[in-house]
């Protein structure tokens, strides 16, 4: 028999399961809705006489869808409408769906990867293929095209194509997902690929398309220059502070060493005054003592000769020898 506590526990667990399921469904629907918003009507051609052809070599009006995100989304079950009557809010879902063309689910290309495109043919018969829709348009008048979500209620994207389009020209966004639209010439039509990306288009031409007035490249160039100047200012500021600090430390060390030398000299002088040095060396001064020794030796020898009566004996006779010259005959 199940107790009251066990019943309460089962009830709480069931509530948790229901709450988790509700959160899961809500998150799934939120992600799905965000994915649908990434699908855009990207390019439309209402008067096709020499542009792309379908599987039967027929030139039909076409509309291009673009997935502007980087995630995959399947557009099968979504609707294409060309009748403005579907905008009536009083219509029921079955009434609105009856006036629109559904994108079939038997086409692998409807599973659109990130940045991919899908071309659908209008004014056609769905029996001709999965990309053929029965939505009708009149190229002589402005054409409204709307993309509805699979519920037949939420309008994902729409565009009104002007009636001034010439043959084989298209009405397209300036680039995928952009808000601005323009009329593209015959040689600039890009069904199934990104707008303004051509095989023969150079980088300079692409820059001219993306930045016709040069504001972007000017801001970019000035930003690079000022960024480099800012980096140089930061580098030299830091480098200058480091060198100034090293110079201050060097000057401080030299000043401290000089102060220590002065203190050491003062302490040495005080020690000498307190304890004077006494010289006790008996060694004679080399120069003066040598002269004194010579004098003493000479005097000593003179005294000894005197005491020994040793001296030169002279006769006291002076002899003068005459010398004859030429003057003696006079």
C-alpha atoms as a PDB file:
ATOM      1  CA  UNK A   1       0.000   0.000   0.000  1.00  0.00           C
ATOM      2  CA  UNK A   2       1.361   3.409  -1.051  1.00  0.00           C
ATOM      3  CA  UNK A   3       1.824   5.778   1.836  1.00  0.00           C
ATOM      4  CA  UNK A   4       1.015   9.497   1.823  1.00  0.00           C
ATOM      5  CA  UNK A   5       4.715  10.412   1.736  1.00  0.00           C
ATOM      6  CA  UNK A   6       5.312   8.214  -1.310  1.00  0.00           C
ATOM      7  CA  UNK A   7       2.357   9.847  -3.084  1.00  0.00           C
ATOM      8  CA  UNK A   8       3.764  13.309  -2.341  1.00  0.00           C
ATOM      9  CA  UNK A   9       7.187  12.257  -3.625  1.00  0.00           C
ATOM     10  CA  UNK A  10       5.689  10.888  -6.891  1.00  0.00           C
ATOM     11  CA  UNK A  11       3.679  14.085  -7.334  1.00  0.00           C
ATOM     12  CA  UNK A  12       6.765  16.262  -6.932  1.00  0.00           C
ATOM     13  CA  UNK A  13       8.748  14.170  -9.410  1.00  0.00           C
ATOM     14  CA  UNK A  14       5.969  14.443 -11.996  1.00  0.00           C
ATOM     15  CA  UNK A  15       5.903  18.211 -11.563  1.00  0.00           C
ATOM     16  CA  UNK A  16       9.671  18.353 -12.126  1.00  0.00           C
ATOM     17  CA  UNK A  17       9.386  16.297 -15.304  1.00  0.00           C
ATOM     18  CA  UNK A  18       6.629  18.551 -16.659  1.00  0.00           C
ATOM     19  CA  UNK A  19       8.626  21.665 -15.826  1.00  0.00           C
ATOM     20  CA  UNK A  20      11.759  20.337 -17.554  1.00  0.00           C
ATOM     21  CA  UNK A  21       9.723  19.359 -20.607  1.00  0.00           C
ATOM     22  CA  UNK A  22       8.179  22.833 -20.787  1.00  0.00           C
ATOM     23  CA  UNK A  23      11.607  24.491 -20.531  1.00  0.00           C
ATOM     24  CA  UNK A  24      12.962  22.185 -23.255  1.00  0.00           C
ATOM     25  CA  UNK A  25      10.086  22.961 -25.626  1.00  0.00           C
ATOM     26  CA  UNK A  26      10.352  26.690 -24.942  1.00  0.00           C
ATOM     27  CA  UNK A  27      14.083  26.704 -25.630  1.00  0.00           C
ATOM     28  CA  UNK A  28      13.597  24.654 -28.772  1.00  0.00           C
ATOM     29  CA  UNK A  29      10.928  27.021 -30.077  1.00  0.00           C
ATOM     30  CA  UNK A  30      13.096  30.042 -29.223  1.00  0.00           C
ATOM     31  CA  UNK A  31      16.058  28.651 -31.129  1.00  0.00           C
ATOM     32  CA  UNK A  32      13.804  27.705 -34.036  1.00  0.00           C
ATOM     33  CA  UNK A  33      12.346  31.208 -34.139  1.00  0.00           C
ATOM     34  CA  UNK A  34      15.778  32.812 -34.101  1.00  0.00           C
ATOM     35  CA  UNK A  35      16.895  30.495 -36.921  1.00  0.00           C
ATOM     36  CA  UNK A  36      13.918  31.486 -39.071  1.00  0.00           C
ATOM     37  CA  UNK A  37      14.772  35.174 -38.626  1.00  0.00           C
ATOM     38  CA  UNK A  38      18.132  34.493 -40.286  1.00  0.00           C
ATOM     39  CA  UNK A  39      16.436  33.583 -43.583  1.00  0.00           C
ATOM     40  CA  UNK A  40      16.139  36.649 -45.811  1.00  0.00           C
ATOM     41  CA  UNK A  41      14.743  37.443 -49.241  1.00  0.00           C
ATOM     42  CA  UNK A  42      18.013  38.397 -50.904  1.00  0.00           C
ATOM     43  CA  UNK A  43      17.364  38.961 -54.621  1.00  0.00           C
ATOM     44  CA  UNK A  44      14.359  38.979 -56.969  1.00  0.00           C
ATOM     45  CA  UNK A  45      14.043  38.958 -60.766  1.00  0.00           C
ATOM     46  CA  UNK A  46      10.547  39.588 -62.120  1.00  0.00           C
ATOM     47  CA  UNK A  47      11.345  39.796 -65.855  1.00  0.00           C
ATOM     48  CA  UNK A  48      13.576  36.878 -66.783  1.00  0.00           C
ATOM     49  CA  UNK A  49      14.209  36.474 -70.508  1.00  0.00           C
ATOM     50  CA  UNK A  50      17.891  35.562 -70.665  1.00  0.00           C
ATOM     51  CA  UNK A  51      18.966  34.853 -67.094  1.00  0.00           C
ATOM     52  CA  UNK A  52      19.025  31.441 -65.396  1.00  0.00           C
ATOM     53  CA  UNK A  53      16.797  28.629 -66.647  1.00  0.00           C
ATOM     54  CA  UNK A  54      15.024  25.836 -64.829  1.00  0.00           C
ATOM     55  CA  UNK A  55      15.267  22.119 -65.484  1.00  0.00           C
ATOM     56  CA  UNK A  56      13.100  22.547 -68.581  1.00  0.00           C
ATOM     57  CA  UNK A  57      15.213  25.378 -70.089  1.00  0.00           C
ATOM     58  CA  UNK A  58      12.481  27.858 -69.286  1.00  0.00           C
ATOM     59  CA  UNK A  59      13.090  31.425 -68.114  1.00  0.00           C
ATOM     60  CA  UNK A  60      10.865  32.044 -65.129  1.00  0.00           C
ATOM     61  CA  UNK A  61      10.806  34.815 -62.530  1.00  0.00           C
ATOM     62  CA  UNK A  62      12.746  33.810 -59.439  1.00  0.00           C
ATOM     63  CA  UNK A  63      13.361  34.772 -55.831  1.00  0.00           C
ATOM     64  CA  UNK A  64      16.541  34.019 -53.907  1.00  0.00           C
ATOM     65  CA  UNK A  65      16.590  33.208 -50.186  1.00  0.00           C
ATOM     66  CA  UNK A  66      19.802  33.631 -48.150  1.00  0.00           C
ATOM     67  CA  UNK A  67      20.777  32.203 -44.785  1.00  0.00           C
ATOM     68  CA  UNK A  68      22.709  35.148 -43.324  1.00  0.00           C
ATOM     69  CA  UNK A  69      23.846  33.195 -40.250  1.00  0.00           C
ATOM     70  CA  UNK A  70      26.572  30.572 -39.855  1.00  0.00           C
ATOM     71  CA  UNK A  71      24.187  27.854 -38.636  1.00  0.00           C
ATOM     72  CA  UNK A  72      22.091  25.421 -40.675  1.00  0.00           C
ATOM     73  CA  UNK A  73      18.351  25.941 -40.986  1.00  0.00           C
ATOM     74  CA  UNK A  74      15.751  24.009 -42.980  1.00  0.00           C
ATOM     75  CA  UNK A  75      13.237  26.251 -44.772  1.00  0.00           C
ATOM     76  CA  UNK A  76      10.898  23.432 -45.769  1.00  0.00           C
ATOM     77  CA  UNK A  77       7.350  24.139 -44.672  1.00  0.00           C
ATOM     78  CA  UNK A  78       7.821  27.927 -44.914  1.00  0.00           C
ATOM     79  CA  UNK A  79       5.627  29.932 -47.297  1.00  0.00           C
ATOM     80  CA  UNK A  80       6.174  32.374 -50.161  1.00  0.00           C
ATOM     81  CA  UNK A  81       3.368  34.898 -50.740  1.00  0.00           C
ATOM     82  CA  UNK A  82       2.912  37.418 -53.555  1.00  0.00           C
ATOM     83  CA  UNK A  83      -0.652  38.488 -52.735  1.00  0.00           C
ATOM     84  CA  UNK A  84      -0.908  41.402 -50.276  1.00  0.00           C
ATOM     85  CA  UNK A  85      -4.276  40.062 -49.149  1.00  0.00           C
ATOM     86  CA  UNK A  86      -2.440  37.716 -46.786  1.00  0.00           C
ATOM     87  CA  UNK A  87      -1.566  40.770 -44.668  1.00  0.00           C
ATOM     88  CA  UNK A  88      -5.170  40.969 -43.484  1.00  0.00           C
ATOM     89  CA  UNK A  89      -4.973  40.205 -39.746  1.00  0.00           C
ATOM     90  CA  UNK A  90      -8.552  38.932 -39.711  1.00  0.00           C
ATOM     91  CA  UNK A  91      -7.752  35.998 -41.952  1.00  0.00           C
ATOM     92  CA  UNK A  92      -7.627  32.580 -40.368  1.00  0.00           C
ATOM     93  CA  UNK A  93      -4.517  30.467 -40.783  1.00  0.00           C
ATOM     94  CA  UNK A  94      -6.128  28.100 -43.341  1.00  0.00           C
ATOM     95  CA  UNK A  95      -7.378  31.075 -45.370  1.00  0.00           C
ATOM     96  CA  UNK A  96      -3.935  32.699 -45.386  1.00  0.00           C
ATOM     97  CA  UNK A  97      -2.118  29.459 -46.200  1.00  0.00           C
ATOM     98  CA  UNK A  98      -4.465  28.871 -49.134  1.00  0.00           C
ATOM     99  CA  UNK A  99      -3.166  32.079 -50.746  1.00  0.00           C
ATOM    100  CA  UNK A 100       0.509  31.171 -50.367  1.00  0.00           C
ATOM    101  CA  UNK A 101       2.936  28.628 -51.823  1.00  0.00           C
ATOM    102  CA  UNK A 102       4.602  26.182 -49.463  1.00  0.00           C
ATOM    103  CA  UNK A 103       8.272  25.304 -49.844  1.00  0.00           C
ATOM    104  CA  UNK A 104       8.222  21.495 -50.222  1.00  0.00           C
ATOM    105  CA  UNK A 105      10.062  19.192 -47.851  1.00  0.00           C
ATOM    106  CA  UNK A 106      11.298  16.760 -50.520  1.00  0.00           C
ATOM    107  CA  UNK A 107      14.197  19.002 -51.598  1.00  0.00           C
ATOM    108  CA  UNK A 108      17.601  18.506 -49.983  1.00  0.00           C
ATOM    109  CA  UNK A 109      18.651  22.075 -50.880  1.00  0.00           C
ATOM    110  CA  UNK A 110      16.029  23.455 -48.502  1.00  0.00           C
ATOM    111  CA  UNK A 111      18.348  22.442 -45.645  1.00  0.00           C
ATOM    112  CA  UNK A 112      20.362  25.646 -45.944  1.00  0.00           C
ATOM    113  CA  UNK A 113      23.776  25.784 -44.355  1.00  0.00           C
ATOM    114  CA  UNK A 114      25.414  28.932 -43.075  1.00  0.00           C
ATOM    115  CA  UNK A 115      25.762  31.678 -45.728  1.00  0.00           C
ATOM    116  CA  UNK A 116      24.040  29.500 -48.350  1.00  0.00           C
ATOM    117  CA  UNK A 117      21.413  30.510 -50.931  1.00  0.00           C
ATOM    118  CA  UNK A 118      18.317  28.930 -52.441  1.00  0.00           C
ATOM    119  CA  UNK A 119      16.652  30.021 -55.718  1.00  0.00           C
ATOM    120  CA  UNK A 120      12.878  29.391 -56.128  1.00  0.00           C
ATOM    121  CA  UNK A 121      11.028  29.831 -59.422  1.00  0.00           C
ATOM    122  CA  UNK A 122       7.724  31.768 -59.425  1.00  0.00           C
ATOM    123  CA  UNK A 123       4.840  31.803 -61.897  1.00  0.00           C
ATOM    124  CA  UNK A 124       5.459  28.108 -62.296  1.00  0.00           C
ATOM    125  CA  UNK A 125       3.839  24.741 -61.626  1.00  0.00           C
ATOM    126  CA  UNK A 126       4.911  22.788 -58.499  1.00  0.00           C
ATOM    127  CA  UNK A 127       4.595  19.620 -60.567  1.00  0.00           C
ATOM    128  CA  UNK A 128       7.702  20.668 -62.508  1.00  0.00           C
ATOM    129  CA  UNK A 129       9.956  20.348 -59.462  1.00  0.00           C
ATOM    130  CA  UNK A 130      10.453  21.018 -55.805  1.00  0.00           C
ATOM    131  CA  UNK A 131      11.796  24.551 -56.439  1.00  0.00           C
ATOM    132  CA  UNK A 132       8.830  25.595 -58.563  1.00  0.00           C
ATOM    133  CA  UNK A 133       6.081  27.627 -56.839  1.00  0.00           C
ATOM    134  CA  UNK A 134       2.692  28.678 -58.092  1.00  0.00           C
ATOM    135  CA  UNK A 135       2.895  32.221 -56.642  1.00  0.00           C
ATOM    136  CA  UNK A 136       2.114  34.587 -59.505  1.00  0.00           C
ATOM    137  CA  UNK A 137       3.667  37.979 -60.221  1.00  0.00           C
ATOM    138  CA  UNK A 138       3.174  40.705 -62.826  1.00  0.00           C
ATOM    139  CA  UNK A 139       6.425  42.399 -63.894  1.00  0.00           C
ATOM    140  CA  UNK A 140       4.540  45.450 -65.160  1.00  0.00           C
ATOM    141  CA  UNK A 141       3.447  46.393 -61.662  1.00  0.00           C
ATOM    142  CA  UNK A 142       5.204  46.643 -58.275  1.00  0.00           C
ATOM    143  CA  UNK A 143       5.475  43.160 -56.815  1.00  0.00           C
ATOM    144  CA  UNK A 144       5.230  42.413 -53.095  1.00  0.00           C
ATOM    145  CA  UNK A 145       6.877  39.189 -51.922  1.00  0.00           C
ATOM    146  CA  UNK A 146       6.637  37.886 -48.383  1.00  0.00           C
ATOM    147  CA  UNK A 147       8.304  34.990 -46.538  1.00  0.00           C
ATOM    148  CA  UNK A 148       6.156  33.412 -43.835  1.00  0.00           C
ATOM    149  CA  UNK A 149       7.141  30.967 -41.132  1.00  0.00           C
ATOM    150  CA  UNK A 150       5.777  27.439 -41.141  1.00  0.00           C
ATOM    151  CA  UNK A 151       2.907  28.413 -38.825  1.00  0.00           C
ATOM    152  CA  UNK A 152       1.440  30.622 -41.562  1.00  0.00           C
ATOM    153  CA  UNK A 153       1.208  33.566 -39.144  1.00  0.00           C
ATOM    154  CA  UNK A 154       4.682  35.059 -38.576  1.00  0.00           C
ATOM    155  CA  UNK A 155       6.007  37.212 -41.424  1.00  0.00           C
ATOM    156  CA  UNK A 156       9.766  36.600 -41.511  1.00  0.00           C
ATOM    157  CA  UNK A 157      10.749  38.971 -44.325  1.00  0.00           C
ATOM    158  CA  UNK A 158       9.194  40.915 -47.212  1.00  0.00           C
ATOM    159  CA  UNK A 159      10.126  43.246 -50.044  1.00  0.00           C
ATOM    160  CA  UNK A 160       8.316  45.329 -52.654  1.00  0.00           C
ATOM    161  CA  UNK A 161       9.982  45.113 -56.074  1.00  0.00           C
ATOM    162  CA  UNK A 162       9.520  48.252 -58.203  1.00  0.00           C
ATOM    163  CA  UNK A 163       7.925  47.992 -61.621  1.00  0.00           C
ATOM    164  CA  UNK A 164      10.761  49.866 -63.390  1.00  0.00           C
ATOM    165  CA  UNK A 165      12.984  46.798 -63.747  1.00  0.00           C
ATOM    166  CA  UNK A 166      14.268  46.149 -67.226  1.00  0.00           C
ATOM    167  CA  UNK A 167      14.640  42.685 -68.678  1.00  0.00           C
ATOM    168  CA  UNK A 168      17.074  40.431 -66.813  1.00  0.00           C
ATOM    169  CA  UNK A 169      17.815  43.038 -64.140  1.00  0.00           C
ATOM    170  CA  UNK A 170      17.229  42.176 -60.503  1.00  0.00           C
ATOM    171  CA  UNK A 171      16.276  43.920 -57.296  1.00  0.00           C
ATOM    172  CA  UNK A 172      18.720  42.841 -54.606  1.00  0.00           C
ATOM    173  CA  UNK A 173      20.250  43.786 -51.319  1.00  0.00           C
ATOM    174  CA  UNK A 174      23.574  45.588 -51.573  1.00  0.00           C
ATOM    175  CA  UNK A 175      25.098  42.590 -49.806  1.00  0.00           C
ATOM    176  CA  UNK A 176      23.641  39.555 -48.075  1.00  0.00           C
ATOM    177  CA  UNK A 177      21.364  40.573 -45.217  1.00  0.00           C
ATOM    178  CA  UNK A 178      21.855  44.329 -45.747  1.00  0.00           C
ATOM    179  CA  UNK A 179      18.922  46.675 -45.256  1.00  0.00           C
ATOM    180  CA  UNK A 180      19.629  48.628 -48.457  1.00  0.00           C
ATOM    181  CA  UNK A 181      18.260  47.424 -51.795  1.00  0.00           C
ATOM    182  CA  UNK A 182      19.267  48.412 -55.327  1.00  0.00           C
ATOM    183  CA  UNK A 183      18.613  47.545 -58.947  1.00  0.00           C
ATOM    184  CA  UNK A 184      21.402  45.355 -60.358  1.00  0.00           C
ATOM    185  CA  UNK A 185      22.357  45.376 -64.018  1.00  0.00           C
ATOM    186  CA  UNK A 186      22.429  42.251 -66.177  1.00  0.00           C
ATOM    187  CA  UNK A 187      26.120  41.596 -65.596  1.00  0.00           C
ATOM    188  CA  UNK A 188      25.781  42.099 -61.834  1.00  0.00           C
ATOM    189  CA  UNK A 189      22.958  39.610 -61.173  1.00  0.00           C
ATOM    190  CA  UNK A 190      24.046  36.901 -58.717  1.00  0.00           C
ATOM    191  CA  UNK A 191      21.445  34.121 -58.379  1.00  0.00           C
ATOM    192  CA  UNK A 192      22.531  31.425 -55.937  1.00  0.00           C
ATOM    193  CA  UNK A 193      25.695  33.200 -54.735  1.00  0.00           C
ATOM    194  CA  UNK A 194      26.604  36.067 -52.450  1.00  0.00           C
ATOM    195  CA  UNK A 195      25.769  39.529 -53.745  1.00  0.00           C
ATOM    196  CA  UNK A 196      28.725  41.478 -55.177  1.00  0.00           C
ATOM    197  CA  UNK A 197      31.032  38.480 -55.148  1.00  0.00           C
ATOM    198  CA  UNK A 198      32.078  37.722 -58.710  1.00  0.00           C
ATOM    199  CA  UNK A 199      34.853  35.555 -59.998  1.00  0.00           C
ATOM    200  CA  UNK A 200      36.356  38.375 -62.055  1.00  0.00           C
ATOM    201  CA  UNK A 201      35.790  41.072 -59.447  1.00  0.00           C
ATOM    202  CA  UNK A 202      38.973  42.511 -57.982  1.00  0.00           C
ATOM    203  CA  UNK A 203      39.491  43.519 -54.385  1.00  0.00           C
ATOM    204  CA  UNK A 204      39.562  47.178 -55.408  1.00  0.00           C
ATOM    205  CA  UNK A 205      36.187  46.835 -57.112  1.00  0.00           C
ATOM    206  CA  UNK A 206      34.752  45.109 -54.042  1.00  0.00           C
ATOM    207  CA  UNK A 207      36.041  47.923 -51.817  1.00  0.00           C
ATOM    208  CA  UNK A 208      34.400  50.444 -54.148  1.00  0.00           C
ATOM    209  CA  UNK A 209      31.111  48.595 -53.806  1.00  0.00           C
ATOM    210  CA  UNK A 210      31.309  48.280 -50.035  1.00  0.00           C
ATOM    211  CA  UNK A 211      32.684  51.799 -49.459  1.00  0.00           C
ATOM    212  CA  UNK A 212      31.803  54.023 -52.443  1.00  0.00           C
ATOM    213  CA  UNK A 213      32.603  57.326 -50.675  1.00  0.00           C
ATOM    214  CA  UNK A 214      35.813  56.162 -49.005  1.00  0.00           C
ATOM    215  CA  UNK A 215      34.657  56.888 -45.456  1.00  0.00           C
ATOM    216  CA  UNK A 216      35.437  53.399 -44.218  1.00  0.00           C
ATOM    217  CA  UNK A 217      38.965  53.242 -45.635  1.00  0.00           C
ATOM    218  CA  UNK A 218      39.645  56.768 -44.303  1.00  0.00           C
ATOM    219  CA  UNK A 219      38.525  55.868 -40.810  1.00  0.00           C
ATOM    220  CA  UNK A 220      40.491  52.621 -40.992  1.00  0.00           C
ATOM    221  CA  UNK A 221      43.676  54.382 -42.147  1.00  0.00           C
ATOM    222  CA  UNK A 222      43.404  57.105 -39.523  1.00  0.00           C
ATOM    223  CA  UNK A 223      42.699  54.498 -36.896  1.00  0.00           C
ATOM    224  CA  UNK A 224      45.835  52.560 -37.846  1.00  0.00           C
ATOM    225  CA  UNK A 225      47.977  55.736 -37.825  1.00  0.00           C
ATOM    226  CA  UNK A 226      46.685  56.974 -34.476  1.00  0.00           C
ATOM    227  CA  UNK A 227      46.949  53.489 -33.003  1.00  0.00           C
ATOM    228  CA  UNK A 228      50.615  53.305 -34.038  1.00  0.00           C
ATOM    229  CA  UNK A 229      51.263  56.776 -32.620  1.00  0.00           C
ATOM    230  CA  UNK A 230      49.578  55.795 -29.368  1.00  0.00           C
ATOM    231  CA  UNK A 231      51.693  52.637 -29.152  1.00  0.00           C
ATOM    232  CA  UNK A 232      54.871  54.650 -29.825  1.00  0.00           C
ATOM    233  CA  UNK A 233      53.896  57.181 -27.155  1.00  0.00           C
ATOM    234  CA  UNK A 234      53.254  54.410 -24.638  1.00  0.00           C
ATOM    235  CA  UNK A 235      56.549  52.678 -25.516  1.00  0.00           C
ATOM    236  CA  UNK A 236      58.699  55.798 -25.251  1.00  0.00           C
ATOM    237  CA  UNK A 237      56.913  56.935 -22.091  1.00  0.00           C
ATOM    238  CA  UNK A 238      57.586  53.633 -20.363  1.00  0.00           C
ATOM    239  CA  UNK A 239      61.144  53.468 -21.773  1.00  0.00           C
ATOM    240  CA  UNK A 240      61.854  57.040 -20.620  1.00  0.00           C
ATOM    241  CA  UNK A 241      60.597  56.333 -17.125  1.00  0.00           C
ATOM    242  CA  UNK A 242      62.718  53.184 -16.887  1.00  0.00           C
ATOM    243  CA  UNK A 243      65.868  55.005 -18.051  1.00  0.00           C
ATOM    244  CA  UNK A 244      65.154  57.952 -15.736  1.00  0.00           C
ATOM    245  CA  UNK A 245      64.751  55.599 -12.809  1.00  0.00           C
ATOM    246  CA  UNK A 246      68.007  53.813 -13.658  1.00  0.00           C
ATOM    247  CA  UNK A 247      69.808  57.172 -13.931  1.00  0.00           C
ATOM    248  CA  UNK A 248      68.431  58.252 -10.566  1.00  0.00           C
ATOM    249  CA  UNK A 249      69.530  54.980  -8.986  1.00  0.00           C
ATOM    250  CA  UNK A 250      73.015  55.351 -10.528  1.00  0.00           C
ATOM    251  CA  UNK A 251      73.329  58.941  -9.304  1.00  0.00           C
ATOM    252  CA  UNK A 252      72.099  57.919  -5.878  1.00  0.00           C
ATOM    253  CA  UNK A 253      74.648  55.070  -5.732  1.00  0.00           C
ATOM    254  CA  UNK A 254      77.493  57.413  -6.764  1.00  0.00           C
ATOM    255  CA  UNK A 255      76.411  59.974  -4.204  1.00  0.00           C
ATOM    256  CA  UNK A 256      76.233  57.322  -1.501  1.00  0.00           C
ATOM    257  CA  UNK A 257      79.704  55.979  -2.428  1.00  0.00           C
ATOM    258  CA  UNK A 258      81.163  59.527  -2.304  1.00  0.00           C
ATOM    259  CA  UNK A 259      79.566  60.103   1.072  1.00  0.00           C
ATOM    260  CA  UNK A 260      80.984  56.843   2.386  1.00  0.00           C
ATOM    261  CA  UNK A 261      84.490  57.822   1.152  1.00  0.00           C
ATOM    262  CA  UNK A 262      84.242  61.177   2.921  1.00  0.00           C
ATOM    263  CA  UNK A 263      83.120  59.500   6.144  1.00  0.00           C
ATOM    264  CA  UNK A 264      85.974  56.966   5.912  1.00  0.00           C
ATOM    265  CA  UNK A 265      88.538  59.774   5.358  1.00  0.00           C
ATOM    266  CA  UNK A 266      87.187  61.722   8.319  1.00  0.00           C
ATOM    267  CA  UNK A 267      87.383  58.641  10.528  1.00  0.00           C
ATOM    268  CA  UNK A 268      90.985  58.008   9.407  1.00  0.00           C
ATOM    269  CA  UNK A 269      92.002  61.601  10.230  1.00  0.00           C
ATOM    270  CA  UNK A 270      90.418  61.317  13.658  1.00  0.00           C
ATOM    271  CA  UNK A 271      92.350  58.065  14.292  1.00  0.00           C
ATOM    272  CA  UNK A 272      95.659  59.683  13.278  1.00  0.00           C
ATOM    273  CA  UNK A 273      95.034  62.626  15.557  1.00  0.00           C
ATOM    274  CA  UNK A 274      94.157  60.355  18.418  1.00  0.00           C
ATOM    275  CA  UNK A 275      97.023  57.912  17.823  1.00  0.00           C
ATOM    276  CA  UNK A 276     100.019  59.677  16.055  1.00  0.00           C
ATOM    277  CA  UNK A 277     102.628  57.473  14.430  1.00  0.00           C
ATOM    278  CA  UNK A 278     106.153  57.287  16.042  1.00  0.00           C
ATOM    279  CA  UNK A 279     109.139  56.462  13.800  1.00  0.00           C
ATOM    280  CA  UNK A 280     112.044  54.632  15.562  1.00  0.00           C
ATOM    281  CA  UNK A 281     114.168  53.788  12.580  1.00  0.00           C
ATOM    282  CA  UNK A 282     118.019  54.217  13.126  1.00  0.00           C
ATOM    283  CA  UNK A 283     118.921  53.904   9.483  1.00  0.00           C
ATOM    284  CA  UNK A 284     120.927  57.000   8.280  1.00  0.00           C
ATOM    285  CA  UNK A 285     119.597  59.214   5.605  1.00  0.00           C
ATOM    286  CA  UNK A 286     121.305  57.859   2.527  1.00  0.00           C
ATOM    287  CA  UNK A 287     122.541  61.123   0.903  1.00  0.00           C
ATOM    288  CA  UNK A 288     123.576  63.158   3.970  1.00  0.00           C
ATOM    289  CA  UNK A 289     125.072  60.204   5.862  1.00  0.00           C
ATOM    290  CA  UNK A 290     127.231  59.272   2.824  1.00  0.00           C
ATOM    291  CA  UNK A 291     128.787  62.756   2.700  1.00  0.00           C
ATOM    292  CA  UNK A 292     129.435  62.710   6.446  1.00  0.00           C
ATOM    293  CA  UNK A 293     131.243  59.370   6.143  1.00  0.00           C
ATOM    294  CA  UNK A 294     133.520  60.779   3.408  1.00  0.00           C
ATOM    295  CA  UNK A 295     134.417  63.804   5.504  1.00  0.00           C
ATOM    296  CA  UNK A 296     135.131  61.650   8.540  1.00  0.00           C
ATOM    297  CA  UNK A 297     137.355  59.336   6.504  1.00  0.00           C
ATOM    298  CA  UNK A 298     139.376  62.222   5.027  1.00  0.00           C
ATOM    299  CA  UNK A 299     139.883  63.875   8.380  1.00  0.00           C
ATOM    300  CA  UNK A 300     140.818  60.551   9.937  1.00  0.00           C
ATOM    301  CA  UNK A 301     143.489  59.907   7.266  1.00  0.00           C
ATOM    302  CA  UNK A 302     144.892  63.415   7.628  1.00  0.00           C
ATOM    303  CA  UNK A 303     145.198  63.025  11.384  1.00  0.00           C
ATOM    304  CA  UNK A 304     146.870  59.629  10.984  1.00  0.00           C
ATOM    305  CA  UNK A 305     149.462  60.993   8.491  1.00  0.00           C
ATOM    306  CA  UNK A 306     150.178  63.857  10.785  1.00  0.00           C
ATOM    307  CA  UNK A 307     150.657  61.538  13.760  1.00  0.00           C
ATOM    308  CA  UNK A 308     152.823  59.187  11.696  1.00  0.00           C
ATOM    309  CA  UNK A 309     154.863  62.172  10.373  1.00  0.00           C
ATOM    310  CA  UNK A 310     154.255  61.126   6.831  1.00  0.00           C
ATOM    311  CA  UNK A 311     154.567  64.012   4.315  1.00  0.00           C
ATOM    312  CA  UNK A 312     156.467  65.096   1.148  1.00  0.00           C
ATOM    313  CA  UNK A 313     160.156  66.269   1.591  1.00  0.00           C
ATOM    314  CA  UNK A 314     161.219  69.169  -0.674  1.00  0.00           C
ATOM    315  CA  UNK A 315     164.822  70.493  -1.233  1.00  0.00           C
ATOM    316  CA  UNK A 316     163.795  74.098  -1.200  1.00  0.00           C
ATOM    317  CA  UNK A 317     165.902  74.850  -4.363  1.00  0.00           C
ATOM    318  CA  UNK A 318     164.198  76.364  -7.373  1.00  0.00           C
ATOM    319  CA  UNK A 319     165.842  75.508 -10.715  1.00  0.00           C
ATOM    320  CA  UNK A 320     165.187  77.759 -13.704  1.00  0.00           C
ATOM    321  CA  UNK A 321     166.213  76.394 -17.146  1.00  0.00           C
ATOM    322  CA  UNK A 322     166.771  79.036 -19.874  1.00  0.00           C
ATOM    323  CA  UNK A 323     165.009  78.760 -23.187  1.00  0.00           C
ATOM    324  CA  UNK A 324     166.420  80.306 -26.325  1.00  0.00           C
ATOM    325  CA  UNK A 325     164.285  81.998 -28.944  1.00  0.00           C
ATOM    326  CA  UNK A 326     164.808  84.210 -31.969  1.00  0.00           C
ATOM    327  CA  UNK A 327     164.708  87.278 -29.771  1.00  0.00           C
ATOM    328  CA  UNK A 328     167.825  86.346 -27.730  1.00  0.00           C
ATOM    329  CA  UNK A 329     170.209  87.549 -30.543  1.00  0.00           C
ATOM    330  CA  UNK A 330     169.101  91.083 -30.205  1.00  0.00           C
END
